[in-house]
Amino acid sequence: MKRNTIFGILVIAIVAVTILNFLTVGESTEDYQNRIETDRKDKDGQMLSNSSPLLEEDKQGFKGLNYYPIDESFKVTARLTLIKNKQPIFIPSTTGEQLKYIPFAYADFKLKGIEQRVIIYQDWEEKDQNKLSLMFADETSAVDTYGGGRYIDVQYRNTNAVTIDFNTAYNPYCHYNPDYSCPIPPRENLLNVAVNAGEKLYKID
């Protein structure tokens, strides 16, 4: 075997091992927590921008959004079962409108030791076909979190599993401003567990 060929094989092997290590090890707990905290600070800044859903009077006294402490146990890997013959459906919104979504896949995972199954959707108007949405409600809804449910952005990577990180759960814009129309989580996505992760009520009495 020629020396160049051997060298090429070694390079490929090294690259493969590096990629494998990256995929299997991932970010450390410290890096993960720092990333979530940075994302939350960035969102606080966005809430004061011109594109913010906040009412002008709420911007005046804005001191930041409310969150549960970061808990990595609420970051789960869900097994996907793709829905065949995907057909768009209409989901009722907070203003009575019917918003168009495509049921993409069933996602099965365990949370607090309890098996869960939800439906993950594609927004009909979303241009990125790999960007999915989980709309859910849980036992904290209308107690510590918004009664209309919360959302999580899910990235699909053409595999049979996705990461669902409830620490990134956020409130829909209609929680801050009733002029916005937000889809109401379907019955299938009502979780029988308290999801003490992610964004809480904006105003806590």
N, C-alpha and C. Protein backbone atom coordinates (compact mmCIF):
# COMPACT_ATOMS: atom_id res chain seq x y z
N MET A 1 0.84 -1.19 0.00
CA MET A 1 0.00 0.00 0.00
C MET A 1 0.88 1.25 0.00
N LYS A 2 0.59 2.22 -0.84
CA LYS A 2 1.41 3.41 -0.96
C LYS A 2 1.32 4.26 0.31
N ARG A 3 2.44 5.00 0.56
CA ARG A 3 2.50 5.84 1.76
C ARG A 3 1.38 6.88 1.76
N ASN A 4 1.08 7.50 0.61
CA ASN A 4 0.02 8.51 0.53
C ASN A 4 -1.34 7.93 0.89
N THR A 5 -1.55 6.68 0.43
CA THR A 5 -2.82 6.02 0.72
C THR A 5 -2.97 5.76 2.22
N ILE A 6 -1.87 5.28 2.83
CA ILE A 6 -1.90 5.01 4.27
C ILE A 6 -2.16 6.30 5.04
N PHE A 7 -1.47 7.37 4.64
CA PHE A 7 -1.65 8.66 5.30
C PHE A 7 -3.11 9.14 5.19
N GLY A 8 -3.68 8.95 3.99
CA GLY A 8 -5.07 9.36 3.78
C GLY A 8 -6.02 8.60 4.67
N ILE A 9 -5.78 7.31 4.81
CA ILE A 9 -6.64 6.49 5.67
C ILE A 9 -6.53 6.93 7.12
N LEU A 10 -5.30 7.25 7.55
CA LEU A 10 -5.10 7.71 8.93
C LEU A 10 -5.82 9.02 9.18
N VAL A 11 -5.76 9.93 8.23
CA VAL A 11 -6.44 11.21 8.38
C VAL A 11 -7.94 11.01 8.51
N ILE A 12 -8.49 10.16 7.65
CA ILE A 12 -9.93 9.88 7.68
C ILE A 12 -10.31 9.26 9.02
N ALA A 13 -9.47 8.35 9.52
CA ALA A 13 -9.76 7.69 10.79
C ALA A 13 -9.75 8.69 11.93
N ILE A 14 -8.78 9.60 11.92
CA ILE A 14 -8.68 10.60 12.98
C ILE A 14 -9.90 11.51 12.95
N VAL A 15 -10.28 11.95 11.76
CA VAL A 15 -11.47 12.81 11.63
C VAL A 15 -12.72 12.09 12.12
N ALA A 16 -12.85 10.81 11.74
CA ALA A 16 -14.02 10.03 12.15
C ALA A 16 -14.10 9.90 13.67
N VAL A 17 -12.96 9.63 14.29
CA VAL A 17 -12.93 9.50 15.75
C VAL A 17 -13.29 10.82 16.41
N THR A 18 -12.77 11.92 15.86
CA THR A 18 -13.07 13.25 16.42
C THR A 18 -14.55 13.55 16.35
N ILE A 19 -15.16 13.26 15.20
CA ILE A 19 -16.60 13.50 15.05
C ILE A 19 -17.39 12.62 16.00
N LEU A 20 -16.99 11.36 16.11
CA LEU A 20 -17.69 10.43 17.00
C LEU A 20 -17.62 10.92 18.44
N ASN A 21 -16.44 11.36 18.86
CA ASN A 21 -16.29 11.86 20.23
C ASN A 21 -17.17 13.08 20.46
N PHE A 22 -17.24 13.96 19.47
CA PHE A 22 -18.06 15.16 19.61
C PHE A 22 -19.53 14.80 19.76
N LEU A 23 -19.98 13.85 18.95
CA LEU A 23 -21.39 13.47 18.97
C LEU A 23 -21.77 12.74 20.24
N THR A 24 -20.86 11.94 20.77
CA THR A 24 -21.19 11.13 21.94
C THR A 24 -20.98 11.87 23.24
N VAL A 25 -19.95 12.72 23.28
CA VAL A 25 -19.68 13.43 24.52
C VAL A 25 -20.54 14.68 24.64
N GLY A 26 -20.59 15.50 23.57
CA GLY A 26 -21.40 16.70 23.59
C GLY A 26 -20.84 17.73 24.56
N GLU A 27 -21.67 18.73 24.88
CA GLU A 27 -21.22 19.79 25.77
C GLU A 27 -21.29 19.36 27.23
N SER A 28 -20.44 19.95 28.03
CA SER A 28 -20.42 19.65 29.46
C SER A 28 -21.62 20.28 30.14
N THR A 29 -21.89 19.86 31.37
CA THR A 29 -23.01 20.44 32.13
C THR A 29 -22.81 21.93 32.31
N GLU A 30 -21.57 22.33 32.59
CA GLU A 30 -21.29 23.77 32.77
C GLU A 30 -21.55 24.54 31.49
N ASP A 31 -21.08 24.00 30.35
CA ASP A 31 -21.31 24.67 29.07
C ASP A 31 -22.79 24.73 28.74
N TYR A 32 -23.50 23.66 29.05
CA TYR A 32 -24.94 23.62 28.80
C TYR A 32 -25.65 24.70 29.60
N GLN A 33 -25.36 24.78 30.88
CA GLN A 33 -26.01 25.78 31.72
C GLN A 33 -25.66 27.19 31.28
N ASN A 34 -24.42 27.41 30.90
CA ASN A 34 -24.01 28.73 30.42
C ASN A 34 -24.75 29.11 29.15
N ARG A 35 -24.94 28.12 28.28
CA ARG A 35 -25.65 28.40 27.02
C ARG A 35 -27.10 28.78 27.29
N ILE A 36 -27.77 28.04 28.17
CA ILE A 36 -29.16 28.35 28.49
C ILE A 36 -29.27 29.73 29.14
N GLU A 37 -28.37 30.03 30.06
CA GLU A 37 -28.39 31.33 30.72
C GLU A 37 -28.15 32.47 29.74
N THR A 38 -27.25 32.26 28.79
CA THR A 38 -26.98 33.27 27.76
C THR A 38 -28.20 33.49 26.89
N ASP A 39 -28.86 32.39 26.50
CA ASP A 39 -30.07 32.49 25.69
C ASP A 39 -31.15 33.29 26.43
N ARG A 40 -31.25 33.08 27.73
CA ARG A 40 -32.27 33.79 28.51
C ARG A 40 -31.95 35.28 28.60
N LYS A 41 -30.69 35.62 28.76
CA LYS A 41 -30.30 37.03 28.80
C LYS A 41 -30.56 37.70 27.46
N ASP A 42 -30.27 36.97 26.38
CA ASP A 42 -30.52 37.50 25.04
C ASP A 42 -32.01 37.76 24.83
N LYS A 43 -32.84 36.85 25.32
CA LYS A 43 -34.28 37.03 25.15
C LYS A 43 -34.78 38.24 25.95
N ASP A 44 -34.22 38.46 27.14
CA ASP A 44 -34.59 39.65 27.90
C ASP A 44 -34.32 40.91 27.09
N GLY A 45 -33.19 40.92 26.39
CA GLY A 45 -32.87 42.07 25.55
C GLY A 45 -33.85 42.22 24.40
N GLN A 46 -34.25 41.10 23.81
CA GLN A 46 -35.20 41.13 22.70
C GLN A 46 -36.57 41.64 23.14
N MET A 47 -36.91 41.39 24.40
CA MET A 47 -38.22 41.81 24.90
C MET A 47 -38.34 43.33 25.01
N LEU A 48 -37.22 44.02 24.91
CA LEU A 48 -37.24 45.48 24.94
C LEU A 48 -37.03 46.10 23.56
N SER A 49 -36.93 45.25 22.55
CA SER A 49 -36.71 45.74 21.19
C SER A 49 -38.02 46.16 20.54
N ASN A 50 -37.91 46.70 19.33
CA ASN A 50 -39.11 47.15 18.61
C ASN A 50 -40.01 45.99 18.20
N SER A 51 -39.43 44.79 18.08
CA SER A 51 -40.22 43.62 17.67
C SER A 51 -40.81 42.86 18.87
N SER A 52 -40.65 43.40 20.05
CA SER A 52 -41.13 42.73 21.27
C SER A 52 -42.65 42.67 21.30
N PRO A 53 -43.22 41.58 21.84
CA PRO A 53 -44.67 41.50 22.00
C PRO A 53 -45.17 42.28 23.22
N LEU A 54 -44.26 42.73 24.06
CA LEU A 54 -44.68 43.43 25.27
C LEU A 54 -45.42 44.73 24.95
N LEU A 55 -46.43 45.02 25.75
CA LEU A 55 -47.09 46.31 25.66
C LEU A 55 -46.12 47.39 26.14
N GLU A 56 -46.29 48.59 25.63
CA GLU A 56 -45.36 49.66 25.96
C GLU A 56 -45.30 49.93 27.45
N GLU A 57 -46.45 49.85 28.13
CA GLU A 57 -46.43 50.10 29.57
C GLU A 57 -45.68 49.02 30.34
N ASP A 58 -45.65 47.79 29.77
CA ASP A 58 -44.92 46.71 30.43
C ASP A 58 -43.41 46.85 30.22
N LYS A 59 -43.02 47.46 29.11
CA LYS A 59 -41.59 47.66 28.85
C LYS A 59 -40.97 48.60 29.89
N GLN A 60 -41.77 49.54 30.38
CA GLN A 60 -41.23 50.54 31.30
C GLN A 60 -40.67 49.91 32.57
N GLY A 61 -41.35 48.92 33.10
CA GLY A 61 -40.90 48.30 34.34
C GLY A 61 -40.33 46.91 34.17
N PHE A 62 -39.94 46.58 32.92
CA PHE A 62 -39.47 45.23 32.64
C PHE A 62 -38.15 44.93 33.35
N LYS A 63 -38.11 43.83 34.09
CA LYS A 63 -36.90 43.43 34.82
C LYS A 63 -36.41 42.04 34.42
N GLY A 64 -37.01 41.49 33.38
CA GLY A 64 -36.60 40.17 32.93
C GLY A 64 -37.72 39.16 33.05
N LEU A 65 -37.65 38.11 32.24
CA LEU A 65 -38.64 37.04 32.28
C LEU A 65 -38.36 36.12 33.46
N ASN A 66 -39.36 35.35 33.82
CA ASN A 66 -39.24 34.43 34.97
C ASN A 66 -39.03 33.00 34.48
N TYR A 67 -38.11 32.30 35.12
CA TYR A 67 -37.77 30.94 34.72
C TYR A 67 -37.63 30.03 35.94
N TYR A 68 -37.85 28.75 35.69
CA TYR A 68 -37.45 27.73 36.65
C TYR A 68 -35.92 27.61 36.61
N PRO A 69 -35.31 27.13 37.70
CA PRO A 69 -33.87 26.85 37.64
C PRO A 69 -33.57 25.81 36.55
N ILE A 70 -32.41 25.91 35.94
CA ILE A 70 -32.02 24.97 34.89
C ILE A 70 -31.83 23.58 35.49
N ASP A 71 -32.51 22.61 34.89
CA ASP A 71 -32.46 21.23 35.39
C ASP A 71 -32.26 20.31 34.19
N GLU A 72 -31.06 19.74 34.08
CA GLU A 72 -30.71 18.95 32.90
C GLU A 72 -31.54 17.68 32.76
N SER A 73 -32.22 17.26 33.84
CA SER A 73 -33.06 16.06 33.74
C SER A 73 -34.28 16.31 32.86
N PHE A 74 -34.57 17.59 32.56
CA PHE A 74 -35.68 17.91 31.69
C PHE A 74 -35.25 18.03 30.23
N LYS A 75 -34.02 17.65 29.94
CA LYS A 75 -33.55 17.55 28.56
C LYS A 75 -33.58 16.08 28.19
N VAL A 76 -34.47 15.71 27.29
CA VAL A 76 -34.69 14.29 27.00
C VAL A 76 -34.48 13.98 25.52
N THR A 77 -34.18 12.73 25.26
CA THR A 77 -34.13 12.22 23.89
C THR A 77 -35.43 11.49 23.61
N ALA A 78 -36.11 11.90 22.56
CA ALA A 78 -37.41 11.30 22.21
C ALA A 78 -37.29 10.45 20.96
N ARG A 79 -37.92 9.31 20.98
CA ARG A 79 -37.94 8.42 19.82
C ARG A 79 -39.08 8.85 18.90
N LEU A 80 -38.78 9.00 17.63
CA LEU A 80 -39.77 9.49 16.67
C LEU A 80 -40.43 8.36 15.89
N THR A 81 -41.72 8.51 15.68
CA THR A 81 -42.46 7.67 14.74
C THR A 81 -43.09 8.63 13.74
N LEU A 82 -42.52 8.67 12.55
CA LEU A 82 -42.99 9.62 11.55
C LEU A 82 -44.42 9.31 11.14
N ILE A 83 -45.20 10.36 10.95
CA ILE A 83 -46.58 10.20 10.53
C ILE A 83 -46.62 10.09 9.01
N LYS A 84 -47.21 9.03 8.51
CA LYS A 84 -47.29 8.82 7.07
C LYS A 84 -48.43 9.64 6.48
N ASN A 85 -48.30 9.92 5.19
CA ASN A 85 -49.34 10.67 4.48
C ASN A 85 -49.71 11.95 5.24
N LYS A 86 -48.67 12.74 5.53
CA LYS A 86 -48.88 13.97 6.30
C LYS A 86 -49.88 14.90 5.60
N GLN A 87 -50.92 15.26 6.32
CA GLN A 87 -51.93 16.16 5.80
C GLN A 87 -52.08 17.33 6.75
N PRO A 88 -52.17 18.55 6.22
CA PRO A 88 -52.32 19.71 7.11
C PRO A 88 -53.63 19.67 7.87
N ILE A 89 -53.59 20.19 9.08
CA ILE A 89 -54.80 20.30 9.91
C ILE A 89 -54.88 21.72 10.43
N PHE A 90 -56.02 22.04 11.01
CA PHE A 90 -56.20 23.37 11.59
C PHE A 90 -56.28 23.24 13.12
N ILE A 91 -55.48 24.04 13.80
CA ILE A 91 -55.45 24.04 15.26
C ILE A 91 -56.06 25.34 15.76
N PRO A 92 -57.04 25.28 16.66
CA PRO A 92 -57.66 26.50 17.18
C PRO A 92 -56.64 27.39 17.89
N SER A 93 -56.84 28.69 17.79
CA SER A 93 -55.93 29.63 18.43
C SER A 93 -56.63 30.37 19.56
N THR A 94 -55.86 31.16 20.28
CA THR A 94 -56.38 31.91 21.44
C THR A 94 -57.36 32.99 21.03
N THR A 95 -57.35 33.39 19.75
CA THR A 95 -58.29 34.42 19.28
C THR A 95 -59.45 33.82 18.50
N GLY A 96 -59.51 32.49 18.44
CA GLY A 96 -60.59 31.84 17.71
C GLY A 96 -60.26 31.53 16.27
N GLU A 97 -59.08 31.90 15.81
CA GLU A 97 -58.67 31.58 14.45
C GLU A 97 -58.31 30.10 14.35
N GLN A 98 -58.20 29.63 13.11
CA GLN A 98 -57.76 28.27 12.84
C GLN A 98 -56.41 28.36 12.14
N LEU A 99 -55.35 27.88 12.80
CA LEU A 99 -54.00 27.99 12.27
C LEU A 99 -53.56 26.65 11.66
N LYS A 100 -52.87 26.72 10.55
CA LYS A 100 -52.55 25.55 9.75
C LYS A 100 -51.21 24.94 10.16
N TYR A 101 -51.23 23.65 10.50
CA TYR A 101 -50.03 22.91 10.89
C TYR A 101 -50.06 21.53 10.24
N ILE A 102 -48.88 20.92 10.15
CA ILE A 102 -48.77 19.56 9.63
C ILE A 102 -48.28 18.64 10.75
N PRO A 103 -49.07 17.64 11.15
CA PRO A 103 -48.57 16.66 12.13
C PRO A 103 -47.38 15.91 11.53
N PHE A 104 -46.21 16.03 12.17
CA PHE A 104 -44.99 15.48 11.59
C PHE A 104 -44.64 14.11 12.15
N ALA A 105 -44.67 13.96 13.48
CA ALA A 105 -44.25 12.69 14.09
C ALA A 105 -44.77 12.58 15.51
N TYR A 106 -44.92 11.34 15.96
CA TYR A 106 -45.13 11.07 17.38
C TYR A 106 -43.76 11.01 18.05
N ALA A 107 -43.66 11.59 19.23
CA ALA A 107 -42.41 11.57 19.98
C ALA A 107 -42.65 10.88 21.32
N ASP A 108 -41.91 9.82 21.58
CA ASP A 108 -42.04 9.05 22.82
C ASP A 108 -40.80 9.26 23.67
N PHE A 109 -41.03 9.56 24.94
CA PHE A 109 -39.91 9.78 25.86
C PHE A 109 -40.40 9.57 27.29
N LYS A 110 -39.45 9.56 28.21
CA LYS A 110 -39.79 9.40 29.61
C LYS A 110 -39.43 10.68 30.35
N LEU A 111 -40.35 11.16 31.19
CA LEU A 111 -40.13 12.37 31.97
C LEU A 111 -40.55 12.10 33.40
N LYS A 112 -39.62 12.30 34.32
CA LYS A 112 -39.85 12.00 35.73
C LYS A 112 -40.29 10.55 35.92
N GLY A 113 -39.75 9.68 35.10
CA GLY A 113 -40.05 8.26 35.19
C GLY A 113 -41.37 7.85 34.58
N ILE A 114 -42.05 8.77 33.93
CA ILE A 114 -43.36 8.49 33.34
C ILE A 114 -43.26 8.56 31.81
N GLU A 115 -43.75 7.52 31.15
CA GLU A 115 -43.74 7.50 29.69
C GLU A 115 -44.70 8.55 29.14
N GLN A 116 -44.22 9.29 28.14
CA GLN A 116 -45.01 10.34 27.51
C GLN A 116 -45.01 10.15 26.00
N ARG A 117 -46.11 10.56 25.39
CA ARG A 117 -46.18 10.59 23.92
C ARG A 117 -46.85 11.90 23.50
N VAL A 118 -46.20 12.62 22.59
CA VAL A 118 -46.75 13.87 22.08
C VAL A 118 -46.67 13.86 20.56
N ILE A 119 -47.32 14.81 19.95
CA ILE A 119 -47.22 15.01 18.51
C ILE A 119 -46.40 16.27 18.26
N ILE A 120 -45.42 16.15 17.39
CA ILE A 120 -44.62 17.30 16.99
C ILE A 120 -45.10 17.77 15.62
N TYR A 121 -45.21 19.08 15.47
CA TYR A 121 -45.82 19.65 14.26
C TYR A 121 -44.83 20.49 13.46
N GLN A 122 -45.16 20.64 12.17
CA GLN A 122 -44.52 21.62 11.31
C GLN A 122 -45.50 22.76 11.10
N ASP A 123 -45.00 23.97 11.26
CA ASP A 123 -45.82 25.15 10.94
C ASP A 123 -45.96 25.24 9.42
N TRP A 124 -47.16 25.39 8.95
CA TRP A 124 -47.42 25.44 7.52
C TRP A 124 -46.62 26.54 6.83
N GLU A 125 -46.36 27.64 7.55
CA GLU A 125 -45.66 28.79 6.97
C GLU A 125 -44.15 28.76 7.23
N GLU A 126 -43.67 27.75 7.94
CA GLU A 126 -42.24 27.67 8.24
C GLU A 126 -41.45 27.22 7.01
N LYS A 127 -40.44 27.99 6.63
CA LYS A 127 -39.65 27.67 5.44
C LYS A 127 -38.60 26.60 5.72
N ASP A 128 -38.11 26.54 6.96
CA ASP A 128 -37.12 25.52 7.33
C ASP A 128 -37.85 24.22 7.65
N GLN A 129 -37.75 23.25 6.77
CA GLN A 129 -38.49 22.00 6.92
C GLN A 129 -38.03 21.15 8.09
N ASN A 130 -36.86 21.47 8.63
CA ASN A 130 -36.34 20.71 9.78
C ASN A 130 -36.65 21.38 11.11
N LYS A 131 -37.28 22.52 11.09
CA LYS A 131 -37.66 23.20 12.32
C LYS A 131 -39.08 22.79 12.70
N LEU A 132 -39.22 22.10 13.80
CA LEU A 132 -40.50 21.58 14.25
C LEU A 132 -40.93 22.28 15.54
N SER A 133 -42.18 22.07 15.91
CA SER A 133 -42.71 22.73 17.09
C SER A 133 -43.46 21.74 17.98
N LEU A 134 -43.16 21.83 19.26
CA LEU A 134 -43.92 21.07 20.26
C LEU A 134 -44.73 22.06 21.07
N MET A 135 -46.03 21.97 20.97
CA MET A 135 -46.95 22.77 21.77
C MET A 135 -47.49 21.87 22.87
N PHE A 136 -47.32 22.26 24.13
CA PHE A 136 -47.73 21.36 25.20
C PHE A 136 -48.28 22.14 26.40
N ALA A 137 -49.03 21.44 27.20
CA ALA A 137 -49.45 21.93 28.51
C ALA A 137 -49.16 20.83 29.51
N ASP A 138 -49.09 21.18 30.79
CA ASP A 138 -48.74 20.20 31.80
C ASP A 138 -49.37 20.60 33.13
N GLU A 139 -48.99 19.97 34.20
CA GLU A 139 -49.64 20.21 35.48
C GLU A 139 -49.25 21.55 36.12
N THR A 140 -48.30 22.26 35.53
CA THR A 140 -47.99 23.61 36.02
C THR A 140 -48.81 24.67 35.29
N SER A 141 -49.48 24.28 34.21
CA SER A 141 -50.24 25.24 33.40
C SER A 141 -51.35 25.89 34.21
N ALA A 142 -51.43 27.22 34.11
CA ALA A 142 -52.42 28.03 34.84
C ALA A 142 -52.13 28.08 36.34
N VAL A 143 -50.97 27.56 36.75
CA VAL A 143 -50.54 27.64 38.15
C VAL A 143 -49.27 28.48 38.21
N ASP A 144 -48.17 27.89 37.75
CA ASP A 144 -46.90 28.61 37.68
C ASP A 144 -46.57 29.05 36.26
N THR A 145 -47.22 28.43 35.28
CA THR A 145 -46.94 28.75 33.89
C THR A 145 -48.21 29.16 33.17
N TYR A 146 -48.05 29.68 31.97
CA TYR A 146 -49.17 30.20 31.20
C TYR A 146 -50.23 29.13 30.95
N GLY A 147 -51.47 29.47 31.21
CA GLY A 147 -52.56 28.50 31.08
C GLY A 147 -52.80 28.04 29.66
N GLY A 148 -52.37 28.83 28.69
CA GLY A 148 -52.54 28.45 27.28
C GLY A 148 -51.44 27.55 26.76
N GLY A 149 -50.56 27.08 27.65
CA GLY A 149 -49.50 26.16 27.24
C GLY A 149 -48.22 26.88 26.86
N ARG A 150 -47.20 26.09 26.59
CA ARG A 150 -45.90 26.62 26.19
C ARG A 150 -45.40 25.88 24.95
N TYR A 151 -44.35 26.41 24.35
CA TYR A 151 -43.81 25.84 23.12
C TYR A 151 -42.33 25.50 23.29
N ILE A 152 -41.88 24.55 22.48
CA ILE A 152 -40.47 24.22 22.38
C ILE A 152 -40.13 24.06 20.90
N ASP A 153 -39.05 24.70 20.47
CA ASP A 153 -38.56 24.50 19.10
C ASP A 153 -37.74 23.22 19.08
N VAL A 154 -38.01 22.37 18.10
CA VAL A 154 -37.33 21.08 17.98
C VAL A 154 -36.66 21.02 16.61
N GLN A 155 -35.39 20.63 16.61
CA GLN A 155 -34.64 20.53 15.35
C GLN A 155 -34.59 19.07 14.89
N TYR A 156 -35.11 18.82 13.71
CA TYR A 156 -35.11 17.48 13.13
C TYR A 156 -33.86 17.29 12.29
N ARG A 157 -33.18 16.17 12.46
CA ARG A 157 -31.92 15.92 11.75
C ARG A 157 -31.97 14.63 10.94
N ASN A 158 -33.14 14.29 10.43
CA ASN A 158 -33.30 13.11 9.58
C ASN A 158 -32.88 11.81 10.28
N THR A 159 -33.15 11.73 11.57
CA THR A 159 -32.89 10.51 12.33
C THR A 159 -34.19 10.09 13.00
N ASN A 160 -34.15 8.99 13.72
CA ASN A 160 -35.36 8.50 14.39
C ASN A 160 -35.46 9.00 15.83
N ALA A 161 -34.71 10.06 16.15
CA ALA A 161 -34.77 10.62 17.50
C ALA A 161 -34.49 12.12 17.44
N VAL A 162 -35.04 12.85 18.41
CA VAL A 162 -34.77 14.28 18.53
C VAL A 162 -34.55 14.61 20.01
N THR A 163 -33.92 15.74 20.24
CA THR A 163 -33.76 16.23 21.61
C THR A 163 -34.91 17.20 21.92
N ILE A 164 -35.56 16.96 23.04
CA ILE A 164 -36.59 17.89 23.52
C ILE A 164 -36.08 18.46 24.84
N ASP A 165 -35.81 19.74 24.85
CA ASP A 165 -35.24 20.38 26.04
C ASP A 165 -36.29 21.29 26.67
N PHE A 166 -36.90 20.83 27.74
CA PHE A 166 -37.94 21.61 28.39
C PHE A 166 -37.39 22.84 29.10
N ASN A 167 -36.08 22.91 29.30
CA ASN A 167 -35.49 24.13 29.84
C ASN A 167 -35.62 25.30 28.87
N THR A 168 -35.87 24.99 27.60
CA THR A 168 -36.03 26.03 26.58
C THR A 168 -37.49 26.33 26.30
N ALA A 169 -38.41 25.74 27.08
CA ALA A 169 -39.84 25.98 26.86
C ALA A 169 -40.14 27.47 27.05
N TYR A 170 -40.92 28.03 26.14
CA TYR A 170 -41.19 29.47 26.20
C TYR A 170 -42.68 29.75 26.04
N ASN A 171 -43.07 30.92 26.49
CA ASN A 171 -44.46 31.34 26.39
C ASN A 171 -44.76 31.87 25.00
N PRO A 172 -45.96 31.62 24.49
CA PRO A 172 -46.36 32.23 23.23
C PRO A 172 -46.57 33.73 23.43
N TYR A 173 -46.51 34.48 22.33
CA TYR A 173 -46.63 35.93 22.42
C TYR A 173 -47.97 36.39 23.00
N CYS A 174 -49.00 35.57 22.86
CA CYS A 174 -50.31 35.99 23.36
C CYS A 174 -50.32 36.09 24.88
N HIS A 175 -49.34 35.51 25.56
CA HIS A 175 -49.25 35.66 27.01
C HIS A 175 -48.90 37.10 27.39
N TYR A 176 -48.17 37.77 26.52
CA TYR A 176 -47.76 39.15 26.79
C TYR A 176 -48.69 40.18 26.17
N ASN A 177 -49.39 39.76 25.12
CA ASN A 177 -50.20 40.72 24.36
C ASN A 177 -51.37 39.98 23.72
N PRO A 178 -52.61 40.31 24.12
CA PRO A 178 -53.79 39.57 23.61
C PRO A 178 -54.06 39.77 22.13
N ASP A 179 -53.34 40.69 21.48
CA ASP A 179 -53.55 40.89 20.05
C ASP A 179 -52.95 39.77 19.22
N TYR A 180 -52.06 38.99 19.81
CA TYR A 180 -51.44 37.88 19.08
C TYR A 180 -52.34 36.65 19.10
N SER A 181 -52.27 35.89 18.00
CA SER A 181 -53.05 34.66 17.89
C SER A 181 -52.11 33.47 18.00
N CYS A 182 -52.31 32.63 19.01
CA CYS A 182 -51.39 31.53 19.28
C CYS A 182 -52.13 30.19 19.28
N PRO A 183 -51.56 29.17 18.66
CA PRO A 183 -52.21 27.85 18.66
C PRO A 183 -52.30 27.27 20.06
N ILE A 184 -53.42 26.65 20.35
CA ILE A 184 -53.64 26.01 21.65
C ILE A 184 -53.16 24.56 21.57
N PRO A 185 -52.35 24.11 22.52
CA PRO A 185 -51.85 22.74 22.46
C PRO A 185 -52.98 21.72 22.32
N PRO A 186 -52.84 20.77 21.39
CA PRO A 186 -53.87 19.74 21.21
C PRO A 186 -53.96 18.83 22.43
N ARG A 187 -55.07 18.14 22.55
CA ARG A 187 -55.31 17.27 23.70
C ARG A 187 -54.22 16.22 23.86
N GLU A 188 -53.68 15.74 22.73
CA GLU A 188 -52.64 14.70 22.79
C GLU A 188 -51.36 15.19 23.47
N ASN A 189 -51.19 16.52 23.56
CA ASN A 189 -49.97 17.07 24.12
C ASN A 189 -50.15 17.63 25.53
N LEU A 190 -51.16 17.14 26.24
CA LEU A 190 -51.36 17.51 27.64
C LEU A 190 -50.61 16.49 28.49
N LEU A 191 -49.50 16.88 29.08
CA LEU A 191 -48.65 15.96 29.83
C LEU A 191 -49.16 15.76 31.24
N ASN A 192 -49.14 14.51 31.69
CA ASN A 192 -49.63 14.17 33.03
C ASN A 192 -48.50 14.24 34.06
N VAL A 193 -47.74 15.34 33.99
CA VAL A 193 -46.60 15.54 34.88
C VAL A 193 -46.36 17.05 34.98
N ALA A 194 -45.78 17.48 36.08
CA ALA A 194 -45.43 18.89 36.25
C ALA A 194 -44.06 19.14 35.60
N VAL A 195 -44.04 19.98 34.60
CA VAL A 195 -42.79 20.32 33.92
C VAL A 195 -42.23 21.59 34.56
N ASN A 196 -41.45 21.39 35.62
CA ASN A 196 -40.87 22.53 36.35
C ASN A 196 -39.58 22.96 35.68
N ALA A 197 -39.71 23.38 34.43
CA ALA A 197 -38.55 23.78 33.63
C ALA A 197 -39.02 24.80 32.61
N GLY A 198 -38.08 25.66 32.20
CA GLY A 198 -38.41 26.64 31.18
C GLY A 198 -39.05 27.89 31.75
N GLU A 199 -39.77 28.58 30.88
CA GLU A 199 -40.33 29.88 31.25
C GLU A 199 -41.60 29.74 32.10
N LYS A 200 -41.69 30.63 33.08
CA LYS A 200 -42.86 30.65 33.97
C LYS A 200 -43.76 31.82 33.55
N LEU A 201 -44.79 32.08 34.35
CA LEU A 201 -45.65 33.22 34.09
C LEU A 201 -44.82 34.50 34.07
N TYR A 202 -45.20 35.41 33.16
CA TYR A 202 -44.47 36.67 33.07
C TYR A 202 -44.71 37.53 34.31
N LYS A 203 -45.95 37.64 34.68
CA LYS A 203 -46.30 38.42 35.88
C LYS A 203 -46.78 37.47 36.96
N ILE A 204 -46.07 37.45 38.06
CA ILE A 204 -46.44 36.58 39.17
C ILE A 204 -47.00 37.43 40.29
N ASP A 205 -48.27 37.21 40.61
CA ASP A 205 -48.92 38.00 41.65
C ASP A 205 -48.45 37.58 43.04
